[in-house]
Structures are given as C-alpha cells and as structure tokens.
Amino acid sequence: MKVTAIAASPRSGQMTHTVLNYTLDKIREINPSVTTELISLADKVISPCTACGYCNKNFSCSINDDMEPIIDNLKESRPDVLIMGSPVYMGSMSAQAKAFFDRTVLFRRNNFAFKNVIGCCIAVGASRNGGQELTIQAMHAAMLIHGMLVIGDSAPTAHFGGTGWARVPGGYENDPDSLATYDSLAQRIVETLALIKQTPKEAK
C-alpha cells in the first residue's frame, strides 16, 4: 500500500512540507506496512495547462518541464492514497497546487487513471482561521473530478482534512488543535485503506 504526498508550496522545507512529513510518519506508525513518499513542488517549474488537447490521444503531456517526471512517477507507481498539501494563498490553494491539478487532467482523459485513489488534503494558513477549509474544498473538487475517493479527517475532529497554522508560537509541535487534525487524518487514511483492501475486486 502506497501513500504519496504532494507539498505544493513554493518554499522548500516550510510548514506545508513539515506537517505532511508529520502525517506520513503517523501513517507509518499506525500501519508500518504502508509505503510513503513526499514530492515537493518547491523550486520546480510547472507551467499551466494550455488545453492543447495532446493528452486526448496520448498518456503524456506536450509541455516539457518539471511536471514530466512527476507524471511519470504517478503513472509507474500509482499510489493508493494521494495527499495534497498546500499553503493558503488568497483564500485558496497555491498556484503550484492549481497547476499540478490542471496538468493531471491527462490521467482523467486516459481511462480515469486516478479513479478510486483515496484523496485527502492538508492546508496551512498564516492565521488560525485563514481559509484552510476553503482551500481544502477547492482541492477536493479537483479530486472528485478525477473520480477519486475523497475523505476528510476522522473522529474526533472529523471535518475537511488537516488544518494547520503556520505562525503558531513555538512551532507546530505546540499546536494541539492542528496536530489533532493531522493525527485523525492519518487514522482515517489507514482505516479507509483497510476497508478497500478487504473489498473483492469485482465489487470495486
């Protein structure tokens, strides 16, 4: 079972990256058999989709940039779970996250290759209530268009997903409210993976 996390922040090693790593660690703690990876979009050139139509006939993109190896990775090693993490920019996802989702349209156009992949999100805002849930909803919409199985965090928080505060005094370790959402999201991911793996293939 594989979980892939995408850190869609333009800044390397910042809070989005940190809390995604925290969540992946928590997933492995709950179920050590799960394989995880984190792909950072920081310092990568990812151009916007140009709607050229190339991927209508090819399982690849006509744009040659840093998205190409990410596409190849997702094609060759299709994850069971995709976690999208983004900082909150102007009340929604980062430009990097939006470009990523737009460029993955080729997976939709090639037999809905992300169908039934579990999708979930983490958003980190500069303030405690800085648009995290709106950002997660926007990313959920892109996942639903792929036919993914979208989940939020689990009980006891059970809302949209992981909601972080980037400027908490003392660092994220001193933010129990945010940590609770990461912990419960990790629990929900492991629970959903177990449910799917128990389902006969003909019922999927």
Foldseek 3Di string as FASTA:
>chain_A
DEEEEEQQEQDPPADLVVLVVVLVVLLCVVPVVYHYDYHYCHPWDQDADPPPCPLLPPLADPDDTPCRVVSVCCVVPPGLEYEYEAEQDPLAGDPSLVRNLRRCVSCQSPVLVQAAREYAYEYEYQAQPHNGQVHLVVSVVSCVSSNYRYAAFAPPVGDRAQYHHRPDPPDPVPPVVRVVRSNRRSVVVNVVVVVVVPDDPVVD
